[in-house]
N, C-alpha and C. Protein backbone atom coordinates (compact mmCIF):
# COMPACT_ATOMS: atom_id res chain seq x y z
N MET A 1 0.83 -1.20 0.00
CA MET A 1 0.00 0.00 0.00
C MET A 1 0.87 1.26 0.00
N LYS A 2 1.92 1.24 0.84
CA LYS A 2 2.80 2.39 0.94
C LYS A 2 3.54 2.63 -0.40
N LYS A 3 3.96 1.52 -1.04
CA LYS A 3 4.65 1.65 -2.33
C LYS A 3 3.73 2.22 -3.40
N MET A 4 2.46 1.80 -3.37
CA MET A 4 1.51 2.32 -4.35
C MET A 4 1.27 3.80 -4.16
N LEU A 5 1.21 4.23 -2.90
CA LEU A 5 1.02 5.65 -2.60
C LEU A 5 2.22 6.46 -3.08
N LEU A 6 3.43 5.96 -2.81
CA LEU A 6 4.64 6.65 -3.27
C LEU A 6 4.69 6.71 -4.80
N LEU A 7 4.30 5.62 -5.44
CA LEU A 7 4.28 5.59 -6.90
C LEU A 7 3.29 6.62 -7.45
N ALA A 8 2.12 6.72 -6.82
CA ALA A 8 1.12 7.70 -7.26
C ALA A 8 1.63 9.13 -7.09
N VAL A 9 2.28 9.41 -5.96
CA VAL A 9 2.84 10.75 -5.73
C VAL A 9 3.93 11.05 -6.74
N TRP A 10 4.83 10.10 -6.97
CA TRP A 10 5.93 10.28 -7.91
C TRP A 10 5.39 10.54 -9.33
N THR A 11 4.41 9.76 -9.74
CA THR A 11 3.81 9.93 -11.07
C THR A 11 3.19 11.31 -11.22
N THR A 12 2.52 11.77 -10.18
CA THR A 12 1.91 13.10 -10.21
C THR A 12 2.96 14.19 -10.34
N LEU A 13 4.04 14.06 -9.58
CA LEU A 13 5.10 15.07 -9.64
C LEU A 13 5.77 15.08 -11.00
N VAL A 14 6.09 13.92 -11.53
CA VAL A 14 6.77 13.85 -12.82
C VAL A 14 5.87 14.39 -13.93
N SER A 15 4.60 14.04 -13.92
CA SER A 15 3.71 14.55 -14.97
C SER A 15 3.52 16.06 -14.84
N GLY A 16 3.54 16.59 -13.62
CA GLY A 16 3.44 18.04 -13.43
C GLY A 16 4.65 18.76 -13.98
N CYS A 17 5.84 18.17 -13.78
CA CYS A 17 7.06 18.77 -14.32
C CYS A 17 7.05 18.73 -15.84
N ALA A 18 6.58 17.63 -16.41
CA ALA A 18 6.54 17.52 -17.87
C ALA A 18 5.58 18.54 -18.45
N ALA A 19 4.45 18.76 -17.81
CA ALA A 19 3.49 19.74 -18.31
C ALA A 19 4.07 21.14 -18.25
N THR A 20 4.84 21.43 -17.21
CA THR A 20 5.48 22.73 -17.09
C THR A 20 6.50 22.93 -18.21
N ALA A 21 7.29 21.90 -18.50
CA ALA A 21 8.31 22.00 -19.54
C ALA A 21 7.68 22.22 -20.91
N VAL A 22 6.55 21.62 -21.16
CA VAL A 22 5.90 21.75 -22.46
C VAL A 22 5.35 23.16 -22.66
N THR A 23 4.90 23.81 -21.58
CA THR A 23 4.28 25.12 -21.71
C THR A 23 5.27 26.28 -21.57
N ALA A 24 6.56 25.99 -21.41
CA ALA A 24 7.55 27.06 -21.28
C ALA A 24 7.64 27.83 -22.60
N PRO A 25 7.78 29.15 -22.54
CA PRO A 25 7.86 29.93 -23.77
C PRO A 25 9.14 29.64 -24.54
N ALA A 26 9.09 29.80 -25.84
CA ALA A 26 10.26 29.57 -26.67
C ALA A 26 11.39 30.50 -26.25
N GLY A 27 12.59 29.97 -26.21
CA GLY A 27 13.75 30.77 -25.83
C GLY A 27 13.97 30.86 -24.34
N ALA A 28 13.05 30.32 -23.54
CA ALA A 28 13.16 30.44 -22.09
C ALA A 28 14.38 29.71 -21.55
N ASP A 29 14.83 28.66 -22.25
CA ASP A 29 15.98 27.92 -21.76
C ASP A 29 17.29 28.68 -22.01
N LEU A 30 17.25 29.74 -22.78
CA LEU A 30 18.45 30.54 -23.03
C LEU A 30 18.53 31.77 -22.14
N GLY A 31 17.44 32.18 -21.54
CA GLY A 31 17.46 33.36 -20.70
C GLY A 31 16.17 34.14 -20.77
N VAL A 32 16.28 35.45 -20.60
CA VAL A 32 15.11 36.33 -20.55
C VAL A 32 15.41 37.62 -21.29
N ARG A 33 14.36 38.37 -21.58
CA ARG A 33 14.57 39.70 -22.17
C ARG A 33 15.43 40.52 -21.22
N GLY A 34 16.37 41.25 -21.78
CA GLY A 34 17.30 42.00 -20.96
C GLY A 34 16.98 43.47 -20.85
N ASP A 35 17.74 44.13 -20.00
CA ASP A 35 17.62 45.56 -19.77
C ASP A 35 18.59 46.28 -20.71
N ALA A 36 18.10 47.24 -21.45
CA ALA A 36 18.94 47.96 -22.42
C ALA A 36 20.12 48.66 -21.75
N LEU A 37 20.02 48.98 -20.48
CA LEU A 37 21.12 49.65 -19.77
C LEU A 37 22.24 48.69 -19.40
N GLN A 38 22.01 47.39 -19.51
CA GLN A 38 23.03 46.41 -19.14
C GLN A 38 23.63 45.69 -20.35
N VAL A 39 23.42 46.21 -21.54
CA VAL A 39 23.95 45.59 -22.75
C VAL A 39 25.47 45.61 -22.72
N THR A 40 26.09 44.43 -22.95
CA THR A 40 27.55 44.35 -22.98
C THR A 40 28.10 44.42 -24.40
N ARG A 41 27.26 44.07 -25.38
CA ARG A 41 27.67 44.22 -26.79
C ARG A 41 26.46 44.13 -27.69
N GLU A 42 26.67 44.53 -28.95
CA GLU A 42 25.61 44.49 -29.95
C GLU A 42 26.01 43.56 -31.08
N VAL A 43 25.07 42.77 -31.56
CA VAL A 43 25.29 41.90 -32.71
C VAL A 43 24.31 42.36 -33.79
N VAL A 44 24.86 42.75 -34.93
CA VAL A 44 24.05 43.17 -36.07
C VAL A 44 23.85 41.95 -36.97
N ILE A 45 22.59 41.62 -37.21
CA ILE A 45 22.26 40.46 -38.04
C ILE A 45 22.31 40.87 -39.50
N THR A 46 23.18 40.23 -40.26
CA THR A 46 23.34 40.50 -41.69
C THR A 46 22.93 39.25 -42.48
N PRO A 47 22.84 39.35 -43.80
CA PRO A 47 22.53 38.15 -44.59
C PRO A 47 23.59 37.05 -44.46
N GLN A 48 24.80 37.42 -44.06
CA GLN A 48 25.88 36.44 -43.91
C GLN A 48 25.88 35.75 -42.53
N THR A 49 25.09 36.24 -41.59
CA THR A 49 25.08 35.68 -40.23
C THR A 49 24.49 34.27 -40.27
N ARG A 50 25.28 33.31 -39.78
CA ARG A 50 24.83 31.92 -39.72
C ARG A 50 24.73 31.44 -38.28
N TRP A 51 25.58 31.96 -37.39
CA TRP A 51 25.56 31.61 -35.98
C TRP A 51 26.05 32.77 -35.16
N ILE A 52 25.79 32.70 -33.85
CA ILE A 52 26.21 33.76 -32.92
C ILE A 52 26.77 33.08 -31.68
N ASN A 53 27.94 33.50 -31.23
CA ASN A 53 28.55 33.00 -30.01
C ASN A 53 28.37 34.02 -28.90
N VAL A 54 27.85 33.59 -27.76
CA VAL A 54 27.68 34.46 -26.59
C VAL A 54 28.14 33.68 -25.36
N GLU A 55 28.25 34.39 -24.24
CA GLU A 55 28.60 33.76 -22.97
C GLU A 55 27.42 33.87 -22.02
N SER A 56 27.27 32.87 -21.17
CA SER A 56 26.22 32.91 -20.16
C SER A 56 26.46 34.13 -19.27
N GLY A 57 25.40 34.83 -18.94
CA GLY A 57 25.50 36.04 -18.14
C GLY A 57 25.62 37.31 -18.97
N GLU A 58 25.85 37.17 -20.24
CA GLU A 58 26.02 38.31 -21.14
C GLU A 58 24.65 38.85 -21.56
N THR A 59 24.56 40.18 -21.68
CA THR A 59 23.35 40.82 -22.18
C THR A 59 23.68 41.40 -23.55
N VAL A 60 22.99 40.92 -24.58
CA VAL A 60 23.32 41.26 -25.96
C VAL A 60 22.13 41.95 -26.62
N ARG A 61 22.45 42.96 -27.41
CA ARG A 61 21.43 43.64 -28.22
C ARG A 61 21.58 43.12 -29.64
N PHE A 62 20.52 42.49 -30.15
CA PHE A 62 20.49 42.01 -31.53
C PHE A 62 19.72 43.02 -32.36
N SER A 63 20.29 43.39 -33.51
CA SER A 63 19.60 44.35 -34.37
C SER A 63 19.77 43.96 -35.83
N ALA A 64 18.87 44.44 -36.65
CA ALA A 64 18.93 44.20 -38.08
C ALA A 64 19.04 45.55 -38.78
N PRO A 65 20.03 45.71 -39.66
CA PRO A 65 20.19 47.00 -40.33
C PRO A 65 19.19 47.15 -41.46
N PRO A 66 18.98 48.32 -41.98
CA PRO A 66 19.30 49.60 -41.35
C PRO A 66 18.13 50.06 -40.49
N GLY A 67 18.38 50.39 -39.28
CA GLY A 67 17.38 50.90 -38.36
C GLY A 67 16.22 49.94 -38.12
N GLY A 68 16.49 48.65 -38.25
CA GLY A 68 15.44 47.66 -38.07
C GLY A 68 15.15 47.39 -36.61
N GLU A 69 14.37 46.36 -36.39
CA GLU A 69 13.98 45.96 -35.05
C GLU A 69 15.21 45.57 -34.23
N ALA A 70 15.12 45.76 -32.92
CA ALA A 70 16.20 45.36 -32.01
C ALA A 70 15.61 44.63 -30.82
N VAL A 71 16.35 43.63 -30.34
CA VAL A 71 15.94 42.85 -29.17
C VAL A 71 17.12 42.76 -28.23
N VAL A 72 16.86 42.99 -26.93
CA VAL A 72 17.90 42.83 -25.91
C VAL A 72 17.60 41.55 -25.15
N TRP A 73 18.62 40.68 -25.03
CA TRP A 73 18.43 39.39 -24.39
C TRP A 73 19.57 39.12 -23.40
N ARG A 74 19.20 38.66 -22.20
CA ARG A 74 20.19 38.26 -21.19
C ARG A 74 20.25 36.75 -21.19
N PHE A 75 21.42 36.21 -21.46
CA PHE A 75 21.62 34.76 -21.54
C PHE A 75 21.96 34.22 -20.15
N ASP A 76 21.02 33.47 -19.59
CA ASP A 76 21.19 32.86 -18.27
C ASP A 76 21.08 31.35 -18.42
N THR A 77 22.21 30.70 -18.58
CA THR A 77 22.22 29.25 -18.67
C THR A 77 23.25 28.72 -17.68
N PRO A 78 22.98 27.59 -17.06
CA PRO A 78 23.94 27.05 -16.09
C PRO A 78 25.17 26.45 -16.75
N SER A 79 25.09 26.08 -18.00
CA SER A 79 26.22 25.49 -18.70
C SER A 79 26.07 25.74 -20.19
N TRP A 80 26.78 25.00 -21.01
CA TRP A 80 26.71 25.16 -22.45
C TRP A 80 25.27 24.98 -22.93
N ALA A 81 24.86 25.76 -23.92
CA ALA A 81 23.50 25.64 -24.45
C ALA A 81 23.51 26.12 -25.90
N THR A 82 22.52 25.68 -26.63
CA THR A 82 22.30 26.17 -27.99
C THR A 82 20.82 26.46 -28.17
N GLY A 83 20.53 27.34 -29.10
CA GLY A 83 19.15 27.69 -29.40
C GLY A 83 19.08 28.40 -30.73
N GLN A 84 17.91 28.80 -31.10
CA GLN A 84 17.70 29.49 -32.37
C GLN A 84 17.35 30.96 -32.12
N LEU A 85 17.91 31.84 -32.90
CA LEU A 85 17.59 33.26 -32.79
C LEU A 85 16.10 33.48 -33.00
N GLY A 86 15.50 32.69 -33.88
CA GLY A 86 14.07 32.81 -34.16
C GLY A 86 13.19 32.54 -32.94
N ASP A 87 13.70 31.80 -31.95
CA ASP A 87 12.93 31.54 -30.74
C ASP A 87 12.85 32.75 -29.83
N ILE A 88 13.90 33.58 -29.85
CA ILE A 88 13.90 34.74 -28.95
C ILE A 88 13.57 36.04 -29.68
N ALA A 89 13.81 36.07 -30.99
CA ALA A 89 13.51 37.27 -31.79
C ALA A 89 13.02 36.85 -33.16
N PRO A 90 11.77 36.38 -33.25
CA PRO A 90 11.28 35.85 -34.53
C PRO A 90 11.23 36.85 -35.67
N ASN A 91 11.13 38.13 -35.39
CA ASN A 91 11.03 39.12 -36.46
C ASN A 91 12.38 39.62 -36.97
N LEU A 92 13.47 39.26 -36.31
CA LEU A 92 14.78 39.75 -36.73
C LEU A 92 15.28 39.07 -38.00
N ALA A 93 15.13 37.79 -38.08
CA ALA A 93 15.61 37.05 -39.25
C ALA A 93 14.61 35.95 -39.57
N PRO A 94 13.42 36.33 -40.04
CA PRO A 94 12.39 35.32 -40.28
C PRO A 94 12.81 34.29 -41.33
N GLY A 95 12.53 33.04 -41.02
CA GLY A 95 12.81 31.97 -41.97
C GLY A 95 14.27 31.56 -42.05
N ARG A 96 15.12 32.13 -41.22
CA ARG A 96 16.53 31.77 -41.24
C ARG A 96 16.88 30.99 -39.99
N GLY A 97 17.67 29.97 -40.11
CA GLY A 97 18.06 29.14 -38.97
C GLY A 97 19.37 29.60 -38.36
N ILE A 98 19.37 30.73 -37.70
CA ILE A 98 20.59 31.24 -37.07
C ILE A 98 20.70 30.63 -35.67
N THR A 99 21.77 29.87 -35.45
CA THR A 99 21.97 29.19 -34.18
C THR A 99 22.76 30.07 -33.22
N ILE A 100 22.33 30.07 -31.97
CA ILE A 100 23.05 30.79 -30.91
C ILE A 100 23.74 29.74 -30.04
N TYR A 101 25.05 29.90 -29.86
CA TYR A 101 25.83 29.02 -29.00
C TYR A 101 26.19 29.79 -27.72
N VAL A 102 25.72 29.28 -26.58
CA VAL A 102 25.98 29.92 -25.30
C VAL A 102 27.07 29.13 -24.58
N ALA A 103 28.15 29.80 -24.21
CA ALA A 103 29.27 29.15 -23.53
C ALA A 103 29.34 29.61 -22.07
N ILE A 104 30.03 28.82 -21.28
CA ILE A 104 30.29 29.20 -19.90
C ILE A 104 31.24 30.40 -19.94
N PRO A 105 31.05 31.40 -19.09
CA PRO A 105 31.94 32.56 -19.11
C PRO A 105 33.40 32.15 -18.92
N ARG A 106 34.29 32.79 -19.63
CA ARG A 106 35.72 32.48 -19.53
C ARG A 106 36.25 32.64 -18.11
N LEU A 107 35.61 33.47 -17.34
CA LEU A 107 36.01 33.69 -15.95
C LEU A 107 35.98 32.39 -15.16
N TYR A 108 35.04 31.50 -15.49
CA TYR A 108 34.87 30.24 -14.76
C TYR A 108 35.53 29.05 -15.41
N MET A 109 36.18 29.25 -16.55
CA MET A 109 36.82 28.13 -17.24
C MET A 109 38.26 28.00 -16.78
N PRO A 110 38.70 26.77 -16.49
CA PRO A 110 40.09 26.58 -16.05
C PRO A 110 41.06 26.76 -17.21
N ASP A 111 42.24 27.22 -16.92
CA ASP A 111 43.28 27.33 -17.94
C ASP A 111 43.84 25.93 -18.20
N ILE A 112 43.90 25.57 -19.46
CA ILE A 112 44.41 24.24 -19.79
C ILE A 112 45.69 24.36 -20.58
């Protein structure tokens, strides 16, 4: 009886976590919208842009020339991560598969 109760509780918890993961907004695993006052650098999206390298903890302003839309994003990931620019800024480069690679900050990487 006790094992069945524990199994029922465990199943409920796991299914609740799965439902939460399914309803998370796109781009949420890479971070959140950032504050324009904390931007550390700007990345201009051009027709040649295929990927973007950033560091966790970095706040980046993405823009499309000339004078196009801009999005500020703070990358908060506990470790290495990848995602699509279209998930966090769908209007910046519609229909293009620009991959964002998020690395651990160099401050925390050991010298090898």
